[in-house]
Amino acid sequence: MPFLKAVTRLEEALNQPQNEFIRDSVIQRFEFCIELAWKTSRKVMGTTTTAPKQIIREMAQNNLIESPEIWILAIDERNRSSHTYNEITAEEIYQFAKGFLPHLKGLSLKIKTFK
């Protein structure tokens, strides 16, 4: 499943010593993970909604995630990363991605067993 692979790849990047190249790689992989998280969840839940933040709320209702607020913030950070680029923003998003990894890993475990 692409989402599960993306989470693994993000974790691999986060385990590397940080430099500009690794930071940028983490940001790109974070973007992939966020997109695949809500799209994969949409598919496994069978919802017809296409709005990411609404899908996040449905993910919480279906017990795929525990904190929809942090997931909505992750959507906002993903959007910020693709529309603005400067060193300060890049470092902030890198740090957010690092702290958000446990949420992505938690979702990946729940998706595997979602019925």
PDB file of N, CA and C in Angstrom:
ATOM      1  N   MET A   1       0.853  -1.175   0.000  1.00  0.00           N
ATOM      2  CA  MET A   1       0.000   0.000   0.000  1.00  0.00           C
ATOM      3  C   MET A   1       0.905   1.247   0.000  1.00  0.00           C
ATOM      4  N   PRO A   2       0.674   2.156  -0.922  1.00  0.00           N
ATOM      5  CA  PRO A   2       1.535   3.338  -1.038  1.00  0.00           C
ATOM      6  C   PRO A   2       1.653   4.165   0.248  1.00  0.00           C
ATOM      7  N   PHE A   3       0.561   4.304   0.997  1.00  0.00           N
ATOM      8  CA  PHE A   3       0.621   5.089   2.229  1.00  0.00           C
ATOM      9  C   PHE A   3       1.607   4.471   3.222  1.00  0.00           C
ATOM     10  N   LEU A   4       1.533   3.173   3.401  1.00  0.00           N
ATOM     11  CA  LEU A   4       2.415   2.499   4.354  1.00  0.00           C
ATOM     12  C   LEU A   4       3.879   2.656   3.940  1.00  0.00           C
ATOM     13  N   LYS A   5       4.133   2.538   2.649  1.00  0.00           N
ATOM     14  CA  LYS A   5       5.498   2.708   2.141  1.00  0.00           C
ATOM     15  C   LYS A   5       5.969   4.149   2.343  1.00  0.00           C
ATOM     16  N   ALA A   6       5.077   5.110   2.123  1.00  0.00           N
ATOM     17  CA  ALA A   6       5.435   6.523   2.289  1.00  0.00           C
ATOM     18  C   ALA A   6       5.814   6.830   3.736  1.00  0.00           C
ATOM     19  N   VAL A   7       5.094   6.263   4.689  1.00  0.00           N
ATOM     20  CA  VAL A   7       5.404   6.481   6.107  1.00  0.00           C
ATOM     21  C   VAL A   7       6.786   5.899   6.432  1.00  0.00           C
ATOM     22  N   THR A   8       7.061   4.715   5.912  1.00  0.00           N
ATOM     23  CA  THR A   8       8.371   4.098   6.122  1.00  0.00           C
ATOM     24  C   THR A   8       9.480   4.967   5.538  1.00  0.00           C
ATOM     25  N   ARG A   9       9.252   5.496   4.357  1.00  0.00           N
ATOM     26  CA  ARG A   9      10.257   6.348   3.702  1.00  0.00           C
ATOM     27  C   ARG A   9      10.476   7.657   4.469  1.00  0.00           C
ATOM     28  N   LEU A  10       9.396   8.216   5.013  1.00  0.00           N
ATOM     29  CA  LEU A  10       9.534   9.423   5.834  1.00  0.00           C
ATOM     30  C   LEU A  10      10.364   9.110   7.075  1.00  0.00           C
ATOM     31  N   GLU A  11      10.075   8.001   7.718  1.00  0.00           N
ATOM     32  CA  GLU A  11      10.834   7.628   8.909  1.00  0.00           C
ATOM     33  C   GLU A  11      12.318   7.423   8.576  1.00  0.00           C
ATOM     34  N   GLU A  12      12.597   6.797   7.444  1.00  0.00           N
ATOM     35  CA  GLU A  12      13.996   6.612   7.014  1.00  0.00           C
ATOM     36  C   GLU A  12      14.704   7.960   6.867  1.00  0.00           C
ATOM     37  N   ALA A  13      14.030   8.918   6.257  1.00  0.00           N
ATOM     38  CA  ALA A  13      14.629  10.244   6.065  1.00  0.00           C
ATOM     39  C   ALA A  13      14.851  10.939   7.408  1.00  0.00           C
ATOM     40  N   LEU A  14      13.888  10.802   8.309  1.00  0.00           N
ATOM     41  CA  LEU A  14      14.023  11.434   9.618  1.00  0.00           C
ATOM     42  C   LEU A  14      15.137  10.813  10.456  1.00  0.00           C
ATOM     43  N   ASN A  15      15.512   9.591  10.145  1.00  0.00           N
ATOM     44  CA  ASN A  15      16.584   8.918  10.880  1.00  0.00           C
ATOM     45  C   ASN A  15      17.979   9.300  10.380  1.00  0.00           C
ATOM     46  N   GLN A  16      18.042  10.104   9.332  1.00  0.00           N
ATOM     47  CA  GLN A  16      19.331  10.557   8.785  1.00  0.00           C
ATOM     48  C   GLN A  16      19.769  11.829   9.510  1.00  0.00           C
ATOM     49  N   PRO A  17      21.080  12.048   9.586  1.00  0.00           N
ATOM     50  CA  PRO A  17      21.546  13.323  10.153  1.00  0.00           C
ATOM     51  C   PRO A  17      20.988  14.483   9.323  1.00  0.00           C
ATOM     52  N   GLN A  18      20.482  15.492   9.996  1.00  0.00           N
ATOM     53  CA  GLN A  18      19.831  16.586   9.283  1.00  0.00           C
ATOM     54  C   GLN A  18      20.835  17.501   8.586  1.00  0.00           C
ATOM     55  N   ASN A  19      20.543  17.780   7.337  1.00  0.00           N
ATOM     56  CA  ASN A  19      21.204  18.821   6.561  1.00  0.00           C
ATOM     57  C   ASN A  19      20.129  19.363   5.616  1.00  0.00           C
ATOM     58  N   GLU A  20      20.456  20.298   4.751  1.00  0.00           N
ATOM     59  CA  GLU A  20      19.440  20.892   3.874  1.00  0.00           C
ATOM     60  C   GLU A  20      18.803  19.860   2.954  1.00  0.00           C
ATOM     61  N   PHE A  21      19.599  18.970   2.417  1.00  0.00           N
ATOM     62  CA  PHE A  21      19.088  17.941   1.509  1.00  0.00           C
ATOM     63  C   PHE A  21      18.104  17.022   2.239  1.00  0.00           C
ATOM     64  N   ILE A  22      18.479  16.562   3.414  1.00  0.00           N
ATOM     65  CA  ILE A  22      17.607  15.681   4.195  1.00  0.00           C
ATOM     66  C   ILE A  22      16.352  16.433   4.625  1.00  0.00           C
ATOM     67  N   ARG A  23      16.519  17.672   5.063  1.00  0.00           N
ATOM     68  CA  ARG A  23      15.357  18.474   5.463  1.00  0.00           C
ATOM     69  C   ARG A  23      14.362  18.588   4.324  1.00  0.00           C
ATOM     70  N   ASP A  24      14.854  18.893   3.127  1.00  0.00           N
ATOM     71  CA  ASP A  24      13.964  19.030   1.979  1.00  0.00           C
ATOM     72  C   ASP A  24      13.319  17.692   1.615  1.00  0.00           C
ATOM     73  N   SER A  25      14.075  16.613   1.773  1.00  0.00           N
ATOM     74  CA  SER A  25      13.536  15.278   1.519  1.00  0.00           C
ATOM     75  C   SER A  25      12.422  14.956   2.511  1.00  0.00           C
ATOM     76  N   VAL A  26      12.638  15.281   3.774  1.00  0.00           N
ATOM     77  CA  VAL A  26      11.617  15.048   4.798  1.00  0.00           C
ATOM     78  C   VAL A  26      10.347  15.826   4.470  1.00  0.00           C
ATOM     79  N   ILE A  27      10.499  17.068   4.065  1.00  0.00           N
ATOM     80  CA  ILE A  27       9.327  17.893   3.741  1.00  0.00           C
ATOM     81  C   ILE A  27       8.553  17.274   2.579  1.00  0.00           C
ATOM     82  N   GLN A  28       9.253  16.857   1.549  1.00  0.00           N
ATOM     83  CA  GLN A  28       8.582  16.237   0.400  1.00  0.00           C
ATOM     84  C   GLN A  28       7.882  14.945   0.801  1.00  0.00           C
ATOM     85  N   ARG A  29       8.531  14.134   1.593  1.00  0.00           N
ATOM     86  CA  ARG A  29       7.934  12.869   2.029  1.00  0.00           C
ATOM     87  C   ARG A  29       6.756  13.116   2.967  1.00  0.00           C
ATOM     88  N   PHE A  30       6.854  14.158   3.785  1.00  0.00           N
ATOM     89  CA  PHE A  30       5.734  14.553   4.642  1.00  0.00           C
ATOM     90  C   PHE A  30       4.526  14.916   3.785  1.00  0.00           C
ATOM     91  N   GLU A  31       4.759  15.693   2.729  1.00  0.00           N
ATOM     92  CA  GLU A  31       3.667  16.055   1.820  1.00  0.00           C
ATOM     93  C   GLU A  31       3.009  14.808   1.239  1.00  0.00           C
ATOM     94  N   PHE A  32       3.822  13.851   0.787  1.00  0.00           N
ATOM     95  CA  PHE A  32       3.277  12.604   0.240  1.00  0.00           C
ATOM     96  C   PHE A  32       2.438  11.886   1.285  1.00  0.00           C
ATOM     97  N   CYS A  33       2.967  11.806   2.497  1.00  0.00           N
ATOM     98  CA  CYS A  33       2.271  11.086   3.561  1.00  0.00           C
ATOM     99  C   CYS A  33       0.910  11.705   3.873  1.00  0.00           C
ATOM    100  N   ILE A  34       0.868  13.016   3.952  1.00  0.00           N
ATOM    101  CA  ILE A  34      -0.406  13.681   4.264  1.00  0.00           C
ATOM    102  C   ILE A  34      -1.424  13.425   3.156  1.00  0.00           C
ATOM    103  N   GLU A  35      -1.013  13.582   1.922  1.00  0.00           N
ATOM    104  CA  GLU A  35      -1.926  13.341   0.804  1.00  0.00           C
ATOM    105  C   GLU A  35      -2.410  11.896   0.790  1.00  0.00           C
ATOM    106  N   LEU A  36      -1.483  10.970   0.944  1.00  0.00           N
ATOM    107  CA  LEU A  36      -1.855   9.554   0.918  1.00  0.00           C
ATOM    108  C   LEU A  36      -2.663   9.154   2.146  1.00  0.00           C
ATOM    109  N   ALA A  37      -2.433   9.796   3.281  1.00  0.00           N
ATOM    110  CA  ALA A  37      -3.173   9.475   4.505  1.00  0.00           C
ATOM    111  C   ALA A  37      -4.664   9.712   4.323  1.00  0.00           C
ATOM    112  N   TRP A  38      -5.022  10.912   3.866  1.00  0.00           N
ATOM    113  CA  TRP A  38      -6.457  11.181   3.759  1.00  0.00           C
ATOM    114  C   TRP A  38      -7.077  10.470   2.569  1.00  0.00           C
ATOM    115  N   LYS A  39      -6.319  10.311   1.491  1.00  0.00           N
ATOM    116  CA  LYS A  39      -6.868   9.616   0.319  1.00  0.00           C
ATOM    117  C   LYS A  39      -7.028   8.124   0.583  1.00  0.00           C
ATOM    118  N   THR A  40      -6.081   7.514   1.272  1.00  0.00           N
ATOM    119  CA  THR A  40      -6.194   6.102   1.617  1.00  0.00           C
ATOM    120  C   THR A  40      -7.323   5.896   2.616  1.00  0.00           C
ATOM    121  N   SER A  41      -7.425   6.770   3.594  1.00  0.00           N
ATOM    122  CA  SER A  41      -8.504   6.677   4.581  1.00  0.00           C
ATOM    123  C   SER A  41      -9.863   6.823   3.913  1.00  0.00           C
ATOM    124  N   ARG A  42      -9.949   7.745   2.986  1.00  0.00           N
ATOM    125  CA  ARG A  42     -11.193   7.924   2.230  1.00  0.00           C
ATOM    126  C   ARG A  42     -11.586   6.620   1.552  1.00  0.00           C
ATOM    127  N   LYS A  43     -10.618   5.975   0.964  1.00  0.00           N
ATOM    128  CA  LYS A  43     -10.877   4.729   0.241  1.00  0.00           C
ATOM    129  C   LYS A  43     -11.301   3.611   1.190  1.00  0.00           C
ATOM    130  N   VAL A  44     -10.574   3.423   2.294  1.00  0.00           N
ATOM    131  CA  VAL A  44     -10.922   2.324   3.200  1.00  0.00           C
ATOM    132  C   VAL A  44     -12.240   2.570   3.925  1.00  0.00           C
ATOM    133  N   MET A  45     -12.587   3.831   4.159  1.00  0.00           N
ATOM    134  CA  MET A  45     -13.865   4.137   4.808  1.00  0.00           C
ATOM    135  C   MET A  45     -15.021   4.094   3.814  1.00  0.00           C
ATOM    136  N   GLY A  46     -14.713   4.206   2.541  1.00  0.00           N
ATOM    137  CA  GLY A  46     -15.756   4.190   1.525  1.00  0.00           C
ATOM    138  C   GLY A  46     -16.562   5.470   1.455  1.00  0.00           C
ATOM    139  N   THR A  47     -15.974   6.566   1.881  1.00  0.00           N
ATOM    140  CA  THR A  47     -16.680   7.842   1.863  1.00  0.00           C
ATOM    141  C   THR A  47     -16.613   8.473   0.472  1.00  0.00           C
ATOM    142  N   THR A  48     -17.594   9.282   0.163  1.00  0.00           N
ATOM    143  CA  THR A  48     -17.620   9.967  -1.123  1.00  0.00           C
ATOM    144  C   THR A  48     -17.105  11.395  -1.018  1.00  0.00           C
ATOM    145  N   THR A  49     -16.889  11.857   0.194  1.00  0.00           N
ATOM    146  CA  THR A  49     -16.363  13.199   0.419  1.00  0.00           C
ATOM    147  C   THR A  49     -14.981  13.325  -0.209  1.00  0.00           C
ATOM    148  N   THR A  50     -14.703  14.493  -0.770  1.00  0.00           N
ATOM    149  CA  THR A  50     -13.380  14.712  -1.361  1.00  0.00           C
ATOM    150  C   THR A  50     -12.608  15.840  -0.669  1.00  0.00           C
ATOM    151  N   ALA A  51     -13.204  16.458   0.337  1.00  0.00           N
ATOM    152  CA  ALA A  51     -12.541  17.548   1.065  1.00  0.00           C
ATOM    153  C   ALA A  51     -11.657  16.959   2.165  1.00  0.00           C
ATOM    154  N   PRO A  52     -10.348  17.217   2.117  1.00  0.00           N
ATOM    155  CA  PRO A  52      -9.438  16.607   3.089  1.00  0.00           C
ATOM    156  C   PRO A  52      -9.817  16.824   4.554  1.00  0.00           C
ATOM    157  N   LYS A  53     -10.197  18.041   4.916  1.00  0.00           N
ATOM    158  CA  LYS A  53     -10.512  18.299   6.325  1.00  0.00           C
ATOM    159  C   LYS A  53     -11.784  17.585   6.767  1.00  0.00           C
ATOM    160  N   GLN A  54     -12.747  17.432   5.876  1.00  0.00           N
ATOM    161  CA  GLN A  54     -13.942  16.660   6.212  1.00  0.00           C
ATOM    162  C   GLN A  54     -13.587  15.188   6.372  1.00  0.00           C
ATOM    163  N   ILE A  55     -12.710  14.697   5.533  1.00  0.00           N
ATOM    164  CA  ILE A  55     -12.267  13.299   5.645  1.00  0.00           C
ATOM    165  C   ILE A  55     -11.535  13.098   6.968  1.00  0.00           C
ATOM    166  N   ILE A  56     -10.752  14.075   7.390  1.00  0.00           N
ATOM    167  CA  ILE A  56     -10.072  14.002   8.688  1.00  0.00           C
ATOM    168  C   ILE A  56     -11.110  13.826   9.799  1.00  0.00           C
ATOM    169  N   ARG A  57     -12.181  14.582   9.744  1.00  0.00           N
ATOM    170  CA  ARG A  57     -13.234  14.462  10.763  1.00  0.00           C
ATOM    171  C   ARG A  57     -13.858  13.063  10.725  1.00  0.00           C
ATOM    172  N   GLU A  58     -14.074  12.537   9.527  1.00  0.00           N
ATOM    173  CA  GLU A  58     -14.619  11.183   9.398  1.00  0.00           C
ATOM    174  C   GLU A  58     -13.624  10.138   9.892  1.00  0.00           C
ATOM    175  N   MET A  59     -12.340  10.384   9.695  1.00  0.00           N
ATOM    176  CA  MET A  59     -11.314   9.472  10.209  1.00  0.00           C
ATOM    177  C   MET A  59     -11.421   9.384  11.733  1.00  0.00           C
ATOM    178  N   ALA A  60     -11.640  10.511  12.382  1.00  0.00           N
ATOM    179  CA  ALA A  60     -11.797  10.530  13.840  1.00  0.00           C
ATOM    180  C   ALA A  60     -13.070   9.789  14.247  1.00  0.00           C
ATOM    181  N   GLN A  61     -14.167  10.020  13.527  1.00  0.00           N
ATOM    182  CA  GLN A  61     -15.429   9.339  13.834  1.00  0.00           C
ATOM    183  C   GLN A  61     -15.313   7.829  13.672  1.00  0.00           C
ATOM    184  N   ASN A  62     -14.450   7.390  12.770  1.00  0.00           N
ATOM    185  CA  ASN A  62     -14.246   5.961  12.524  1.00  0.00           C
ATOM    186  C   ASN A  62     -13.076   5.385  13.329  1.00  0.00           C
ATOM    187  N   ASN A  63     -12.583   6.169  14.282  1.00  0.00           N
ATOM    188  CA  ASN A  63     -11.494   5.748  15.172  1.00  0.00           C
ATOM    189  C   ASN A  63     -10.200   5.389  14.451  1.00  0.00           C
ATOM    190  N   LEU A  64      -9.977   5.988  13.294  1.00  0.00           N
ATOM    191  CA  LEU A  64      -8.693   5.806  12.620  1.00  0.00           C
ATOM    192  C   LEU A  64      -7.639   6.729  13.221  1.00  0.00           C
ATOM    193  N   ILE A  65      -8.087   7.852  13.749  1.00  0.00           N
ATOM    194  CA  ILE A  65      -7.189   8.817  14.397  1.00  0.00           C
ATOM    195  C   ILE A  65      -7.835   9.285  15.692  1.00  0.00           C
ATOM    196  N   GLU A  66      -7.000   9.806  16.585  1.00  0.00           N
ATOM    197  CA  GLU A  66      -7.504  10.270  17.879  1.00  0.00           C
ATOM    198  C   GLU A  66      -7.602  11.786  17.979  1.00  0.00           C
ATOM    199  N   SER A  67      -6.773  12.497  17.258  1.00  0.00           N
ATOM    200  CA  SER A  67      -6.699  13.954  17.402  1.00  0.00           C
ATOM    201  C   SER A  67      -6.918  14.640  16.058  1.00  0.00           C
ATOM    202  N   PRO A  68      -8.169  14.851  15.665  1.00  0.00           N
ATOM    203  CA  PRO A  68      -8.400  15.485  14.366  1.00  0.00           C
ATOM    204  C   PRO A  68      -7.784  16.881  14.265  1.00  0.00           C
ATOM    205  N   GLU A  69      -7.640  17.574  15.400  1.00  0.00           N
ATOM    206  CA  GLU A  69      -7.078  18.921  15.371  1.00  0.00           C
ATOM    207  C   GLU A  69      -5.645  18.914  14.839  1.00  0.00           C
ATOM    208  N   ILE A  70      -4.841  17.954  15.289  1.00  0.00           N
ATOM    209  CA  ILE A  70      -3.446  17.907  14.821  1.00  0.00           C
ATOM    210  C   ILE A  70      -3.389  17.495  13.359  1.00  0.00           C
ATOM    211  N   TRP A  71      -4.340  16.660  12.930  1.00  0.00           N
ATOM    212  CA  TRP A  71      -4.381  16.257  11.525  1.00  0.00           C
ATOM    213  C   TRP A  71      -4.785  17.428  10.634  1.00  0.00           C
ATOM    214  N   ILE A  72      -5.702  18.251  11.110  1.00  0.00           N
ATOM    215  CA  ILE A  72      -6.089  19.436  10.339  1.00  0.00           C
ATOM    216  C   ILE A  72      -4.903  20.404  10.272  1.00  0.00           C
ATOM    217  N   LEU A  73      -4.166  20.519  11.368  1.00  0.00           N
ATOM    218  CA  LEU A  73      -2.945  21.329  11.355  1.00  0.00           C
ATOM    219  C   LEU A  73      -1.935  20.742  10.362  1.00  0.00           C
ATOM    220  N   ALA A  74      -1.853  19.416  10.285  1.00  0.00           N
ATOM    221  CA  ALA A  74      -0.941  18.773   9.329  1.00  0.00           C
ATOM    222  C   ALA A  74      -1.329  19.119   7.891  1.00  0.00           C
ATOM    223  N   ILE A  75      -2.623  19.154   7.605  1.00  0.00           N
ATOM    224  CA  ILE A  75      -3.088  19.565   6.269  1.00  0.00           C
ATOM    225  C   ILE A  75      -2.636  21.003   5.998  1.00  0.00           C
ATOM    226  N   ASP A  76      -2.793  21.859   6.999  1.00  0.00           N
ATOM    227  CA  ASP A  76      -2.371  23.259   6.847  1.00  0.00           C
ATOM    228  C   ASP A  76      -0.856  23.366   6.637  1.00  0.00           C
ATOM    229  N   GLU A  77      -0.084  22.579   7.381  1.00  0.00           N
ATOM    230  CA  GLU A  77       1.377  22.595   7.226  1.00  0.00           C
ATOM    231  C   GLU A  77       1.765  22.073   5.847  1.00  0.00           C
ATOM    232  N   ARG A  78       1.093  21.058   5.382  1.00  0.00           N
ATOM    233  CA  ARG A  78       1.348  20.515   4.039  1.00  0.00           C
ATOM    234  C   ARG A  78       1.083  21.595   2.998  1.00  0.00           C
ATOM    235  N   ASN A  79      -0.030  22.305   3.151  1.00  0.00           N
ATOM    236  CA  ASN A  79      -0.360  23.384   2.213  1.00  0.00           C
ATOM    237  C   ASN A  79       0.672  24.503   2.280  1.00  0.00           C
ATOM    238  N   ARG A  80       1.106  24.829   3.472  1.00  0.00           N
ATOM    239  CA  ARG A  80       2.112  25.878   3.639  1.00  0.00           C
ATOM    240  C   ARG A  80       3.426  25.474   2.981  1.00  0.00           C
ATOM    241  N   SER A  81       3.764  24.206   3.072  1.00  0.00           N
ATOM    242  CA  SER A  81       5.032  23.751   2.495  1.00  0.00           C
ATOM    243  C   SER A  81       5.032  23.817   0.976  1.00  0.00           C
ATOM    244  N   SER A  82       3.877  23.661   0.372  1.00  0.00           N
ATOM    245  CA  SER A  82       3.838  23.660  -1.090  1.00  0.00           C
ATOM    246  C   SER A  82       3.626  25.052  -1.685  1.00  0.00           C
ATOM    247  N   HIS A  83       3.284  26.026  -0.849  1.00  0.00           N
ATOM    248  CA  HIS A  83       3.017  27.375  -1.367  1.00  0.00           C
ATOM    249  C   HIS A  83       4.041  28.417  -0.937  1.00  0.00           C
ATOM    250  N   THR A  84       4.812  28.110   0.079  1.00  0.00           N
ATOM    251  CA  THR A  84       5.790  29.061   0.595  1.00  0.00           C
ATOM    252  C   THR A  84       7.079  28.315   0.841  1.00  0.00           C
ATOM    253  N   TYR A  85       8.186  28.909   0.434  1.00  0.00           N
ATOM    254  CA  TYR A  85       9.459  28.279   0.755  1.00  0.00           C
ATOM    255  C   TYR A  85      10.468  29.319   1.179  1.00  0.00           C
ATOM    256  N   ASN A  86      10.910  29.173   2.405  1.00  0.00           N
ATOM    257  CA  ASN A  86      12.063  29.910   2.902  1.00  0.00           C
ATOM    258  C   ASN A  86      12.680  29.064   4.002  1.00  0.00           C
ATOM    259  N   GLU A  87      13.855  29.424   4.431  1.00  0.00           N
ATOM    260  CA  GLU A  87      14.589  28.597   5.393  1.00  0.00           C
ATOM    261  C   GLU A  87      13.843  28.421   6.715  1.00  0.00           C
ATOM    262  N   ILE A  88      13.262  29.471   7.217  1.00  0.00           N
ATOM    263  CA  ILE A  88      12.552  29.390   8.499  1.00  0.00           C
ATOM    264  C   ILE A  88      11.341  28.477   8.370  1.00  0.00           C
ATOM    265  N   THR A  89      10.555  28.673   7.322  1.00  0.00           N
ATOM    266  CA  THR A  89       9.386  27.831   7.094  1.00  0.00           C
ATOM    267  C   THR A  89       9.792  26.376   6.912  1.00  0.00           C
ATOM    268  N   ALA A  90      10.842  26.141   6.153  1.00  0.00           N
ATOM    269  CA  ALA A  90      11.312  24.776   5.921  1.00  0.00           C
ATOM    270  C   ALA A  90      11.693  24.101   7.235  1.00  0.00           C
ATOM    271  N   GLU A  91      12.373  24.805   8.100  1.00  0.00           N
ATOM    272  CA  GLU A  91      12.771  24.228   9.387  1.00  0.00           C
ATOM    273  C   GLU A  91      11.555  23.955  10.268  1.00  0.00           C
ATOM    274  N   GLU A  92      10.585  24.865  10.259  1.00  0.00           N
ATOM    275  CA  GLU A  92       9.366  24.658  11.053  1.00  0.00           C
ATOM    276  C   GLU A  92       8.607  23.423  10.574  1.00  0.00           C
ATOM    277  N   ILE A  93       8.496  23.250   9.258  1.00  0.00           N
ATOM    278  CA  ILE A  93       7.770  22.102   8.712  1.00  0.00           C
ATOM    279  C   ILE A  93       8.542  20.811   8.977  1.00  0.00           C
ATOM    280  N   TYR A  94       9.864  20.867   8.882  1.00  0.00           N
ATOM    281  CA  TYR A  94      10.682  19.696   9.221  1.00  0.00           C
ATOM    282  C   TYR A  94      10.398  19.266  10.665  1.00  0.00           C
ATOM    283  N   GLN A  95      10.412  20.207  11.580  1.00  0.00           N
ATOM    284  CA  GLN A  95      10.163  19.892  12.986  1.00  0.00           C
ATOM    285  C   GLN A  95       8.746  19.367  13.195  1.00  0.00           C
ATOM    286  N   PHE A  96       7.786  19.945  12.493  1.00  0.00           N
ATOM    287  CA  PHE A  96       6.412  19.456  12.602  1.00  0.00           C
ATOM    288  C   PHE A  96       6.337  18.015  12.105  1.00  0.00           C
ATOM    289  N   ALA A  97       6.942  17.736  10.957  1.00  0.00           N
ATOM    290  CA  ALA A  97       6.923  16.387  10.390  1.00  0.00           C
ATOM    291  C   ALA A  97       7.542  15.384  11.354  1.00  0.00           C
ATOM    292  N   LYS A  98       8.619  15.784  11.981  1.00  0.00           N
ATOM    293  CA  LYS A  98       9.292  14.911  12.946  1.00  0.00           C
ATOM    294  C   LYS A  98       8.353  14.567  14.106  1.00  0.00           C
ATOM    295  N   GLY A  99       7.662  15.554  14.619  1.00  0.00           N
ATOM    296  CA  GLY A  99       6.720  15.326  15.714  1.00  0.00           C
ATOM    297  C   GLY A  99       5.452  14.621  15.287  1.00  0.00           C
ATOM    298  N   PHE A 100       5.122  14.708  14.010  1.00  0.00           N
ATOM    299  CA  PHE A 100       3.876  14.125  13.502  1.00  0.00           C
ATOM    300  C   PHE A 100       4.026  12.652  13.112  1.00  0.00           C
ATOM    301  N   LEU A 101       5.250  12.180  12.975  1.00  0.00           N
ATOM    302  CA  LEU A 101       5.480  10.796  12.557  1.00  0.00           C
ATOM    303  C   LEU A 101       4.699   9.774  13.387  1.00  0.00           C
ATOM    304  N   PRO A 102       4.645   9.873  14.709  1.00  0.00           N
ATOM    305  CA  PRO A 102       3.861   8.881  15.463  1.00  0.00           C
ATOM    306  C   PRO A 102       2.382   8.833  15.061  1.00  0.00           C
ATOM    307  N   HIS A 103       1.825   9.973  14.671  1.00  0.00           N
ATOM    308  CA  HIS A 103       0.424   9.999  14.231  1.00  0.00           C
ATOM    309  C   HIS A 103       0.269   9.233  12.911  1.00  0.00           C
ATOM    310  N   LEU A 104       1.227   9.416  12.019  1.00  0.00           N
ATOM    311  CA  LEU A 104       1.194   8.697  10.741  1.00  0.00           C
ATOM    312  C   LEU A 104       1.361   7.199  10.951  1.00  0.00           C
ATOM    313  N   LYS A 105       2.264   6.828  11.843  1.00  0.00           N
ATOM    314  CA  LYS A 105       2.479   5.410  12.127  1.00  0.00           C
ATOM    315  C   LYS A 105       1.241   4.798  12.785  1.00  0.00           C
ATOM    316  N   GLY A 106       0.604   5.547  13.666  1.00  0.00           N
ATOM    317  CA  GLY A 106      -0.627   5.070  14.301  1.00  0.00           C
ATOM    318  C   GLY A 106      -1.724   4.828  13.288  1.00  0.00           C
ATOM    319  N   LEU A 107      -1.875   5.764  12.346  1.00  0.00           N
ATOM    320  CA  LEU A 107      -2.872   5.583  11.297  1.00  0.00           C
ATOM    321  C   LEU A 107      -2.541   4.372  10.440  1.00  0.00           C
ATOM    322  N   SER A 108      -1.277   4.185  10.125  1.00  0.00           N
ATOM    323  CA  SER A 108      -0.910   3.048   9.272  1.00  0.00           C
ATOM    324  C   SER A 108      -1.280   1.725   9.944  1.00  0.00           C
ATOM    325  N   LEU A 109      -1.117   1.630  11.251  1.00  0.00           N
ATOM    326  CA  LEU A 109      -1.508   0.412  11.969  1.00  0.00           C
ATOM    327  C   LEU A 109      -3.023   0.208  11.935  1.00  0.00           C
ATOM    328  N   LYS A 110      -3.768   1.293  12.108  1.00  0.00           N
ATOM    329  CA  LYS A 110      -5.232   1.169  12.117  1.00  0.00           C
ATOM    330  C   LYS A 110      -5.783   0.859  10.728  1.00  0.00           C
ATOM    331  N   ILE A 111      -5.170   1.407   9.696  1.00  0.00           N
ATOM    332  CA  ILE A 111      -5.640   1.137   8.339  1.00  0.00           C
ATOM    333  C   ILE A 111      -5.475  -0.343   8.005  1.00  0.00           C
ATOM    334  N   LYS A 112      -4.390  -0.931   8.473  1.00  0.00           N
ATOM    335  CA  LYS A 112      -4.151  -2.359   8.202  1.00  0.00           C
ATOM    336  C   LYS A 112      -5.264  -3.247   8.739  1.00  0.00           C
ATOM    337  N   THR A 113      -5.895  -2.817   9.836  1.00  0.00           N
ATOM    338  CA  THR A 113      -6.918  -3.656  10.472  1.00  0.00           C
ATOM    339  C   THR A 113      -8.327  -3.088  10.378  1.00  0.00           C
ATOM    340  N   PHE A 114      -8.495  -2.017   9.615  1.00  0.00           N
ATOM    341  CA  PHE A 114      -9.812  -1.371   9.521  1.00  0.00           C
ATOM    342  C   PHE A 114     -10.822  -2.280   8.847  1.00  0.00           C
ATOM    343  N   LYS A 115     -11.953  -2.419   9.460  1.00  0.00           N
ATOM    344  CA  LYS A 115     -13.056  -3.237   8.885  1.00  0.00           C
ATOM    345  C   LYS A 115     -14.269  -2.378   8.713  1.00  0.00           C
TER     346      LYS A 115
END
